[in-house]
Amino acid sequence: MKKKIPPLDNIVYYSPGTRILWNGEPGVVHGLHIKPYPYQVGYDIVLDSQTRKNEPEIDNSGYNELVLEDSGLQSTDGYKVEPCEPM
């Protein structure tokens, strides 16, 4: 069964500092990737797991890979951000 994801319109569902589970592994959002076009915001994650000492950071994770750590549910509260200017 495919996971339902929200519209791809640059809505931030996980702000930096949010405790999350990334594919079941605990961590925290520490950065955002705002696209230069209306698309899904990407998230940079730092994982807590000691088994990932050599690769603690996950760059540009998608919404469908994340849930809130405390509830285990995907965040549905968000705020819209404008696409960045292309370089």
N, C-alpha and C. Protein backbone atom coordinates (compact mmCIF):
# COMPACT_ATOMS: atom_id res chain seq x y z
N MET A 1 0.84 -1.18 0.00
CA MET A 1 0.00 0.00 0.00
C MET A 1 0.88 1.25 0.00
N LYS A 2 0.61 2.15 -0.88
CA LYS A 2 1.40 3.37 -0.99
C LYS A 2 0.99 4.37 0.09
N LYS A 3 2.00 5.02 0.69
CA LYS A 3 1.71 6.03 1.72
C LYS A 3 1.15 7.28 1.06
N LYS A 4 0.11 7.83 1.67
CA LYS A 4 -0.46 9.07 1.15
C LYS A 4 0.43 10.24 1.59
N ILE A 5 0.78 11.08 0.63
CA ILE A 5 1.57 12.27 0.97
C ILE A 5 0.75 13.50 0.62
N PRO A 6 1.02 14.59 1.30
CA PRO A 6 0.24 15.82 1.07
C PRO A 6 0.60 16.44 -0.29
N PRO A 7 -0.14 17.43 -0.70
CA PRO A 7 0.18 18.10 -1.97
C PRO A 7 1.63 18.61 -1.99
N LEU A 8 2.24 18.55 -3.15
CA LEU A 8 3.64 18.94 -3.29
C LEU A 8 3.72 20.44 -3.53
N ASP A 9 3.53 21.21 -2.48
CA ASP A 9 3.47 22.66 -2.66
C ASP A 9 4.26 23.42 -1.60
N ASN A 10 5.46 22.91 -1.29
CA ASN A 10 6.38 23.59 -0.36
C ASN A 10 5.75 23.93 0.98
N ILE A 11 5.08 22.96 1.57
CA ILE A 11 4.61 23.12 2.95
C ILE A 11 5.60 22.42 3.87
N VAL A 12 6.05 23.13 4.89
CA VAL A 12 6.97 22.57 5.88
C VAL A 12 6.14 21.90 6.97
N TYR A 13 6.25 20.58 7.07
CA TYR A 13 5.53 19.82 8.09
C TYR A 13 6.39 19.52 9.31
N TYR A 14 7.70 19.59 9.16
CA TYR A 14 8.62 19.32 10.27
C TYR A 14 9.65 20.44 10.31
N SER A 15 9.52 21.34 11.26
CA SER A 15 10.47 22.45 11.40
C SER A 15 11.78 21.95 11.99
N PRO A 16 12.88 22.67 11.76
CA PRO A 16 14.13 22.32 12.42
C PRO A 16 13.93 22.23 13.93
N GLY A 17 14.51 21.20 14.53
CA GLY A 17 14.38 20.97 15.97
C GLY A 17 13.30 19.96 16.31
N THR A 18 12.48 19.57 15.34
CA THR A 18 11.41 18.60 15.60
C THR A 18 11.98 17.21 15.77
N ARG A 19 11.56 16.52 16.84
CA ARG A 19 11.96 15.13 17.07
C ARG A 19 11.13 14.24 16.15
N ILE A 20 11.81 13.37 15.40
CA ILE A 20 11.14 12.54 14.42
C ILE A 20 11.67 11.10 14.48
N LEU A 21 10.98 10.22 13.79
CA LEU A 21 11.50 8.90 13.46
C LEU A 21 11.66 8.87 11.94
N TRP A 22 12.86 8.54 11.49
CA TRP A 22 13.14 8.40 10.07
C TRP A 22 13.23 6.92 9.77
N ASN A 23 12.24 6.40 9.06
CA ASN A 23 12.18 4.96 8.79
C ASN A 23 12.40 4.15 10.07
N GLY A 24 11.80 4.63 11.17
CA GLY A 24 11.87 3.93 12.46
C GLY A 24 13.03 4.31 13.34
N GLU A 25 13.98 5.10 12.85
CA GLU A 25 15.14 5.49 13.64
C GLU A 25 14.94 6.89 14.22
N PRO A 26 15.20 7.07 15.54
CA PRO A 26 15.00 8.39 16.15
C PRO A 26 16.05 9.39 15.74
N GLY A 27 15.61 10.64 15.64
CA GLY A 27 16.53 11.72 15.29
C GLY A 27 15.84 13.06 15.40
N VAL A 28 16.46 14.07 14.81
CA VAL A 28 15.94 15.43 14.86
C VAL A 28 16.14 16.08 13.48
N VAL A 29 15.16 16.89 13.09
CA VAL A 29 15.28 17.68 11.86
C VAL A 29 16.24 18.84 12.16
N HIS A 30 17.26 19.02 11.33
CA HIS A 30 18.17 20.15 11.59
C HIS A 30 18.25 21.11 10.41
N GLY A 31 17.60 20.83 9.30
CA GLY A 31 17.62 21.76 8.19
C GLY A 31 16.55 21.42 7.17
N LEU A 32 16.27 22.39 6.30
CA LEU A 32 15.26 22.24 5.26
C LEU A 32 15.87 22.48 3.89
N HIS A 33 15.31 21.82 2.89
CA HIS A 33 15.67 22.09 1.49
C HIS A 33 14.44 22.67 0.83
N ILE A 34 14.48 23.97 0.55
CA ILE A 34 13.37 24.64 -0.14
C ILE A 34 13.69 24.60 -1.63
N LYS A 35 12.79 24.04 -2.41
CA LYS A 35 13.04 23.84 -3.84
C LYS A 35 12.84 25.15 -4.61
N PRO A 36 13.43 25.27 -5.80
CA PRO A 36 13.23 26.47 -6.62
C PRO A 36 11.96 26.38 -7.46
N TYR A 37 11.10 25.46 -7.14
CA TYR A 37 9.82 25.29 -7.85
C TYR A 37 8.85 24.69 -6.84
N PRO A 38 7.56 24.81 -7.05
CA PRO A 38 6.60 24.25 -6.10
C PRO A 38 6.74 22.73 -6.04
N TYR A 39 7.28 22.24 -4.98
CA TYR A 39 7.53 20.80 -4.81
C TYR A 39 7.63 20.51 -3.33
N GLN A 40 7.77 19.26 -3.00
CA GLN A 40 7.87 18.86 -1.61
C GLN A 40 9.16 19.37 -0.97
N VAL A 41 9.05 19.95 0.21
CA VAL A 41 10.22 20.39 0.97
C VAL A 41 11.03 19.16 1.39
N GLY A 42 12.35 19.27 1.33
CA GLY A 42 13.22 18.19 1.81
C GLY A 42 13.72 18.52 3.21
N TYR A 43 14.05 17.49 3.97
CA TYR A 43 14.48 17.63 5.36
C TYR A 43 15.85 17.01 5.56
N ASP A 44 16.72 17.70 6.30
CA ASP A 44 17.99 17.14 6.75
C ASP A 44 17.78 16.60 8.15
N ILE A 45 18.18 15.35 8.36
CA ILE A 45 17.94 14.66 9.63
C ILE A 45 19.27 14.27 10.24
N VAL A 46 19.41 14.44 11.55
CA VAL A 46 20.54 13.88 12.29
C VAL A 46 19.96 12.79 13.18
N LEU A 47 20.46 11.57 13.01
CA LEU A 47 19.95 10.42 13.76
C LEU A 47 20.68 10.26 15.08
N ASP A 48 19.97 9.70 16.07
CA ASP A 48 20.54 9.46 17.39
C ASP A 48 21.36 8.17 17.44
N SER A 49 21.03 7.22 16.59
CA SER A 49 21.53 5.86 16.68
C SER A 49 23.06 5.79 16.66
N GLN A 50 23.60 5.04 17.60
CA GLN A 50 25.05 4.83 17.63
C GLN A 50 25.51 3.89 16.53
N THR A 51 24.57 3.15 15.94
CA THR A 51 24.93 2.25 14.85
C THR A 51 25.22 3.04 13.57
N ARG A 52 24.88 4.32 13.57
CA ARG A 52 25.12 5.17 12.39
C ARG A 52 26.18 6.23 12.68
N LYS A 53 27.17 5.90 13.51
CA LYS A 53 28.20 6.86 13.87
C LYS A 53 28.91 7.44 12.64
N ASN A 54 29.10 6.62 11.62
CA ASN A 54 29.81 7.09 10.43
C ASN A 54 28.91 7.85 9.46
N GLU A 55 27.60 7.77 9.66
CA GLU A 55 26.67 8.44 8.76
C GLU A 55 25.44 8.90 9.54
N PRO A 56 25.63 9.84 10.48
CA PRO A 56 24.50 10.25 11.33
C PRO A 56 23.51 11.17 10.64
N GLU A 57 23.90 11.76 9.51
CA GLU A 57 23.06 12.76 8.87
C GLU A 57 22.43 12.20 7.60
N ILE A 58 21.13 12.41 7.47
CA ILE A 58 20.40 12.04 6.26
C ILE A 58 19.99 13.34 5.58
N ASP A 59 20.51 13.59 4.41
CA ASP A 59 20.21 14.82 3.69
C ASP A 59 18.99 14.63 2.80
N ASN A 60 18.10 15.60 2.84
CA ASN A 60 16.99 15.68 1.92
C ASN A 60 16.04 14.49 2.01
N SER A 61 15.63 14.16 3.21
CA SER A 61 14.61 13.15 3.42
C SER A 61 13.26 13.71 2.98
N GLY A 62 12.38 12.85 2.55
CA GLY A 62 11.04 13.27 2.13
C GLY A 62 10.03 13.13 3.25
N TYR A 63 8.91 13.81 3.11
CA TYR A 63 7.82 13.77 4.09
C TYR A 63 7.38 12.34 4.37
N ASN A 64 7.30 11.51 3.34
CA ASN A 64 6.76 10.17 3.51
C ASN A 64 7.68 9.24 4.31
N GLU A 65 8.93 9.67 4.60
CA GLU A 65 9.85 8.86 5.40
C GLU A 65 9.82 9.22 6.88
N LEU A 66 9.04 10.25 7.25
CA LEU A 66 9.08 10.78 8.61
C LEU A 66 7.76 10.63 9.34
N VAL A 67 7.87 10.42 10.67
CA VAL A 67 6.73 10.53 11.58
C VAL A 67 7.20 11.25 12.83
N LEU A 68 6.27 11.80 13.58
CA LEU A 68 6.62 12.45 14.84
C LEU A 68 7.04 11.39 15.86
N GLU A 69 8.12 11.66 16.59
CA GLU A 69 8.66 10.67 17.53
C GLU A 69 7.67 10.34 18.64
N ASP A 70 6.99 11.34 19.18
CA ASP A 70 6.13 11.09 20.34
C ASP A 70 4.84 10.34 20.00
N SER A 71 4.30 10.55 18.80
CA SER A 71 3.03 9.91 18.45
C SER A 71 3.17 8.78 17.43
N GLY A 72 4.25 8.79 16.65
CA GLY A 72 4.40 7.81 15.59
C GLY A 72 3.54 8.11 14.37
N LEU A 73 2.94 9.32 14.33
CA LEU A 73 2.08 9.72 13.22
C LEU A 73 2.75 10.79 12.38
N GLN A 74 2.38 10.86 11.10
CA GLN A 74 2.91 11.93 10.26
C GLN A 74 2.30 13.26 10.68
N SER A 75 3.10 14.31 10.62
CA SER A 75 2.61 15.65 10.94
C SER A 75 1.70 16.14 9.81
N THR A 76 0.59 16.74 10.20
CA THR A 76 -0.31 17.34 9.21
C THR A 76 -0.40 18.85 9.41
N ASP A 77 0.26 19.36 10.46
CA ASP A 77 0.32 20.82 10.67
C ASP A 77 1.52 21.34 9.91
N GLY A 78 1.32 22.38 9.13
CA GLY A 78 2.44 22.90 8.37
C GLY A 78 2.27 24.35 8.02
N TYR A 79 3.31 24.90 7.43
CA TYR A 79 3.26 26.28 6.97
C TYR A 79 3.92 26.36 5.60
N LYS A 80 3.36 27.17 4.75
CA LYS A 80 3.85 27.28 3.38
C LYS A 80 5.08 28.17 3.31
N VAL A 81 6.02 27.77 2.48
CA VAL A 81 7.20 28.59 2.22
C VAL A 81 7.26 28.84 0.72
N GLU A 82 7.79 29.99 0.36
CA GLU A 82 7.90 30.32 -1.06
C GLU A 82 9.08 29.56 -1.66
N PRO A 83 8.96 29.11 -2.92
CA PRO A 83 10.11 28.48 -3.57
C PRO A 83 11.30 29.43 -3.59
N CYS A 84 12.50 28.88 -3.47
CA CYS A 84 13.70 29.74 -3.50
C CYS A 84 13.98 30.14 -4.95
N GLU A 85 14.78 31.16 -5.10
CA GLU A 85 15.17 31.62 -6.43
C GLU A 85 16.21 30.65 -6.99
N PRO A 86 16.04 30.19 -8.23
CA PRO A 86 17.05 29.32 -8.81
C PRO A 86 18.39 30.03 -8.94
N MET A 87 19.46 29.29 -8.79
CA MET A 87 20.80 29.88 -8.84
C MET A 87 21.26 30.01 -10.27
